[in-house]
Protein backbone atom coordinates (compact mmCIF):
# COMPACT_ATOMS: atom_id res chain seq x y z
CA MET A 1 1.26 -28.71 42.83
CA SER A 2 1.28 -32.03 41.01
CA PRO A 3 1.48 -32.67 37.49
CA ASP A 4 -1.87 -34.00 37.10
CA ARG A 5 -3.30 -30.52 38.53
CA PHE A 6 -1.18 -28.49 36.20
CA GLN A 7 -2.69 -30.78 33.23
CA LEU A 8 -6.28 -30.46 34.57
CA ILE A 9 -5.74 -26.64 34.48
CA ASP A 10 -4.37 -26.74 30.98
CA ARG A 11 -7.33 -28.65 29.68
CA ARG A 12 -9.75 -26.01 31.09
CA GLU A 13 -7.78 -23.05 30.00
CA ASN A 14 -7.63 -24.72 26.40
CA SER A 15 -11.36 -25.76 26.60
CA LEU A 16 -12.27 -22.01 27.62
CA VAL A 17 -10.11 -20.65 24.90
CA ARG A 18 -12.02 -23.00 22.20
CA GLU A 19 -15.36 -21.89 23.64
CA ILE A 20 -14.41 -18.27 23.07
CA ILE A 21 -13.10 -18.71 19.50
CA LYS A 22 -16.19 -20.75 18.75
CA ALA A 23 -18.59 -17.73 19.97
CA LYS A 24 -16.79 -15.11 18.14
CA LEU A 25 -15.90 -16.72 14.99
CA PRO A 26 -18.45 -18.23 12.33
CA GLU A 27 -17.88 -22.04 11.34
CA PRO A 28 -15.90 -22.67 8.45
CA GLY A 29 -18.35 -22.05 5.24
CA GLY A 30 -21.32 -20.87 7.61
CA VAL A 31 -20.88 -17.21 7.13
CA SER A 32 -19.18 -15.65 3.90
CA ARG A 33 -17.90 -12.10 2.90
CA TRP A 34 -20.00 -12.24 -0.24
CA THR A 35 -23.70 -13.29 -1.32
CA ALA A 36 -23.95 -16.15 -4.13
CA GLU A 37 -24.54 -13.08 -6.66
CA GLY A 38 -20.60 -11.89 -5.51
CA LYS A 39 -21.94 -8.89 -3.65
CA LEU A 40 -19.83 -7.90 -0.62
CA VAL A 41 -22.34 -7.85 2.74
CA HIS A 42 -19.76 -8.70 5.61
CA PRO A 43 -16.82 -6.54 5.57
CA VAL A 44 -14.39 -6.96 7.86
CA MET A 45 -14.35 -3.99 10.12
CA PRO A 46 -11.13 -2.83 12.48
CA HIS A 47 -11.87 -3.55 16.23
CA ASN A 48 -9.99 -0.87 17.53
CA ILE A 49 -9.14 2.27 15.13
CA PRO A 50 -6.85 3.71 17.93
CA PHE A 51 -4.49 0.72 17.55
CA VAL A 52 -4.93 0.54 13.92
CA MET A 53 -3.23 4.16 13.67
CA LEU A 54 -0.69 3.34 16.40
CA GLY A 55 0.30 0.44 14.34
CA THR A 56 0.31 2.62 11.39
CA PHE A 57 2.59 5.25 12.85
CA ILE A 58 4.97 2.36 14.26
CA LEU A 59 5.37 1.41 10.89
CA ALA A 60 5.95 4.63 9.36
CA PHE A 61 8.42 5.36 11.98
CA GLY A 62 10.21 2.03 11.24
CA TRP A 63 10.18 3.33 7.36
CA PHE A 64 12.23 5.78 8.21
CA GLY A 65 14.97 3.65 9.52
CA PHE A 66 14.29 1.40 6.29
CA ASN A 67 14.71 3.79 3.22
CA PRO A 68 17.65 6.24 5.01
CA GLY A 69 18.95 3.34 6.39
CA SER A 70 19.33 1.56 3.13
CA SER A 71 21.89 4.22 1.96
CA LEU A 72 25.52 3.15 1.30
CA ALA A 73 26.67 5.48 3.85
CA GLY A 74 25.60 8.04 6.60
CA THR A 75 28.38 10.63 5.19
CA ASP A 76 26.13 10.63 1.77
CA LEU A 77 23.81 13.73 2.26
CA ARG A 78 21.72 12.32 -0.33
CA ILE A 79 20.39 10.52 2.99
CA ALA A 80 18.42 13.74 4.25
CA VAL A 81 16.46 13.89 0.78
CA VAL A 82 15.62 10.29 1.28
CA ALA A 83 14.07 10.86 4.64
CA VAL A 84 12.37 14.11 3.32
CA ASN A 85 10.65 12.19 0.34
CA THR A 86 9.54 9.32 2.77
CA MET A 87 7.99 11.65 4.98
CA LEU A 88 5.93 13.77 1.90
CA ALA A 89 5.05 10.39 0.16
CA SER A 90 3.47 9.00 3.50
CA ALA A 91 1.71 12.44 3.88
CA THR A 92 0.27 13.00 0.54
CA GLY A 93 -0.75 9.25 0.36
CA ALA A 94 -2.67 9.60 3.42
CA LEU A 95 -4.37 12.70 2.61
CA ALA A 96 -5.16 11.89 -1.02
CA ALA A 97 -6.77 8.22 0.41
CA THR A 98 -8.87 10.11 2.90
CA LEU A 99 -10.01 12.95 0.52
CA TRP A 100 -10.80 10.03 -2.37
CA MET A 101 -12.97 7.96 -0.05
CA TRP A 102 -14.88 11.33 1.32
CA TRP A 103 -15.35 12.80 -1.98
CA VAL A 104 -15.80 10.28 -4.50
CA ARG A 105 -16.12 6.46 -3.07
CA THR A 106 -18.06 6.66 0.40
CA LYS A 107 -18.98 10.38 0.78
CA LYS A 108 -17.37 9.91 4.16
CA PRO A 109 -14.04 9.79 5.67
CA ASP A 110 -12.43 6.36 6.61
CA PRO A 111 -9.65 6.38 9.24
CA SER A 112 -8.70 3.13 8.13
CA MET A 113 -8.43 3.91 4.41
CA MET A 114 -6.50 6.89 5.41
CA CYS A 115 -3.86 4.61 7.48
CA ASN A 116 -3.79 2.25 4.14
CA GLY A 117 -3.05 5.41 1.90
CA MET A 118 -0.06 6.20 4.34
CA LEU A 119 1.38 3.01 3.86
CA ALA A 120 0.93 2.87 0.34
CA GLY A 121 2.74 6.22 -0.12
CA LEU A 122 5.73 4.72 1.89
CA VAL A 123 5.59 1.27 -0.24
CA ALA A 124 5.61 3.51 -3.32
CA ILE A 125 8.55 5.89 -2.43
CA THR A 126 10.68 3.04 -1.19
CA CYS A 127 12.02 2.34 -4.68
CA PRO A 128 12.38 5.95 -5.91
CA CYS A 129 13.28 7.44 -2.80
CA ALA A 130 16.76 8.66 -3.49
CA PHE A 131 16.36 9.75 -7.25
CA VAL A 132 13.00 11.69 -7.15
CA SER A 133 12.39 15.62 -5.78
CA ALA A 134 10.14 16.72 -3.06
CA GLY A 135 7.49 17.65 -5.50
CA GLY A 136 7.83 14.22 -7.34
CA ALA A 137 7.75 12.34 -4.07
CA SER A 138 4.42 14.39 -3.17
CA ILE A 139 2.68 13.65 -6.48
CA LEU A 140 3.64 9.91 -6.67
CA GLY A 141 2.60 9.42 -2.87
CA ALA A 142 -0.72 11.24 -3.54
CA ILE A 143 -1.39 8.89 -6.74
CA ALA A 144 -0.49 5.81 -4.66
CA GLY A 145 -3.18 7.07 -2.22
CA VAL A 146 -5.81 7.00 -4.73
CA LEU A 147 -4.64 3.85 -6.27
CA VAL A 148 -4.76 1.75 -2.91
CA VAL A 149 -8.68 2.86 -2.70
CA GLU A 150 -9.43 1.66 -6.16
CA SER A 151 -7.87 -1.45 -5.75
CA VAL A 152 -9.42 -2.46 -2.70
CA PHE A 153 -12.80 -1.83 -4.20
CA PHE A 154 -11.42 -3.78 -7.24
CA PHE A 155 -10.31 -6.71 -5.35
CA ASP A 156 -13.33 -7.01 -3.43
CA LYS A 157 -15.49 -6.67 -6.57
CA ILE A 158 -14.03 -9.54 -7.99
CA GLY A 159 -14.05 -11.82 -4.67
CA ILE A 160 -10.59 -11.62 -3.82
CA ASP A 161 -10.71 -12.19 0.08
CA ASP A 162 -8.02 -9.37 1.06
CA CYS A 163 -9.69 -7.85 4.32
CA VAL A 164 -7.00 -5.68 5.08
CA GLY A 165 -5.77 -4.74 1.69
CA ALA A 166 -2.51 -5.95 1.68
CA ILE A 167 -2.21 -6.84 -2.03
CA SER A 168 -3.31 -3.28 -2.48
CA VAL A 169 -0.92 -1.78 -0.42
CA HIS A 170 2.10 -3.89 -1.22
CA GLY A 171 1.45 -5.27 -4.69
CA VAL A 172 -0.33 -2.43 -6.48
CA ASN A 173 1.92 -0.05 -4.98
CA GLY A 174 5.00 -1.89 -5.22
CA ALA A 175 4.49 -1.96 -8.52
CA TRP A 176 3.89 1.73 -9.00
CA GLY A 177 6.75 2.60 -7.08
CA CYS A 178 8.90 0.91 -9.59
CA LEU A 179 6.99 2.49 -12.46
CA SER A 180 7.43 6.20 -10.80
CA LEU A 181 11.17 6.07 -10.50
CA GLY A 182 11.35 6.16 -14.07
CA LEU A 183 8.00 8.71 -14.41
CA PHE A 184 9.65 11.17 -11.60
CA ALA A 185 13.50 10.69 -11.59
CA ASP A 186 15.15 13.89 -12.11
CA GLY A 187 18.65 12.89 -12.75
CA THR A 188 20.55 14.62 -10.14
CA TYR A 189 21.48 11.80 -8.41
CA GLY A 190 23.30 8.40 -9.11
CA SER A 191 26.23 9.19 -11.46
CA ALA A 192 28.64 11.01 -9.16
CA ASN A 193 29.85 7.73 -7.77
CA GLY A 194 30.04 5.95 -11.21
CA SER A 195 27.65 3.33 -10.33
CA PHE A 196 24.80 4.10 -12.58
CA GLN A 197 22.96 6.82 -14.18
CA VAL A 198 19.25 7.48 -13.64
CA ARG A 199 18.05 9.48 -16.28
CA GLN A 200 14.88 11.78 -16.82
CA PHE A 201 11.93 9.82 -18.28
CA SER A 202 8.64 10.92 -19.43
CA LEU A 203 5.48 9.10 -20.94
CA THR A 204 5.85 11.55 -23.76
CA THR A 205 9.30 10.26 -24.62
CA ALA A 206 8.59 6.74 -24.28
CA CYS A 207 5.98 7.06 -26.63
CA ARG A 208 8.16 8.75 -29.25
CA ARG A 209 10.78 6.25 -29.12
CA ARG A 210 10.18 3.99 -32.24
CA SER A 211 11.18 0.70 -30.27
CA CYS A 212 8.42 0.86 -27.56
CA SER A 213 5.74 3.18 -28.70
CA ASN A 214 3.26 0.91 -29.87
CA SER A 215 3.66 -1.52 -26.98
CA VAL A 216 3.50 0.99 -24.36
CA ARG A 217 0.46 2.27 -26.16
CA VAL A 218 -1.32 -1.05 -26.42
CA ALA A 219 -0.44 -2.22 -23.05
CA THR A 220 -1.35 0.89 -21.16
CA SER A 221 -4.75 1.01 -23.19
CA VAL A 222 -5.53 -2.65 -22.08
CA CYS A 223 -4.77 -2.25 -18.53
CA VAL A 224 -6.99 0.81 -18.42
CA ALA A 225 -9.61 -0.66 -20.00
CA CYS A 226 -9.84 -3.64 -17.99
CA PHE A 227 -9.22 -1.76 -14.63
CA LEU A 228 -12.29 0.38 -15.83
CA SER A 229 -14.61 -2.40 -16.75
CA GLN A 230 -14.31 -3.89 -13.33
CA LEU A 231 -15.14 -0.84 -11.46
CA LYS A 232 -18.40 -0.31 -13.48
């Protein structure tokens, strides 16, 4: 086949692809997810829920190589605790997101939000995975599942175009995972090798410390008030 023939086929295929894209996607500025009043009217729906779940479980499987694989050595038996904590946080995150959507937000279960809840639990446990107990991992994963739901609704309300909830999963729950290390670390790991010590920490203890009590109270109150005001 001559090179001109190849070019003709290539031009025809490109034209076909352009026509398909033009038929499937709206023109820029033609259709918005929000009305002029700021109401969300065109949410981007998943095209294939089984594929969404398959991708979520592939990510979850990879997380078991990511968290336990970040241990300094496979001979450190703490790697087993890391793997268990990773599994627990992902499970409770998916369960909490499903129940929160079902009982509080939409009154029906949402499988795509369940997947986001699982990813939120995985993100949240990444930081404290070696330093919290199984119970702590379960609790912080459940909180991450609720946080991701509320965060998705929050960013939609203020007009942030995040159709898959990436900010909510990785940003909000990444920050929550860092905070949860101080809240749920039990102090049983981190000092044996002389590197550092993660001590148990609680909000009550923090508020009693003279150096940070006022700042903690004020910052927490402002953040909670701003968040709740946007949800009304």
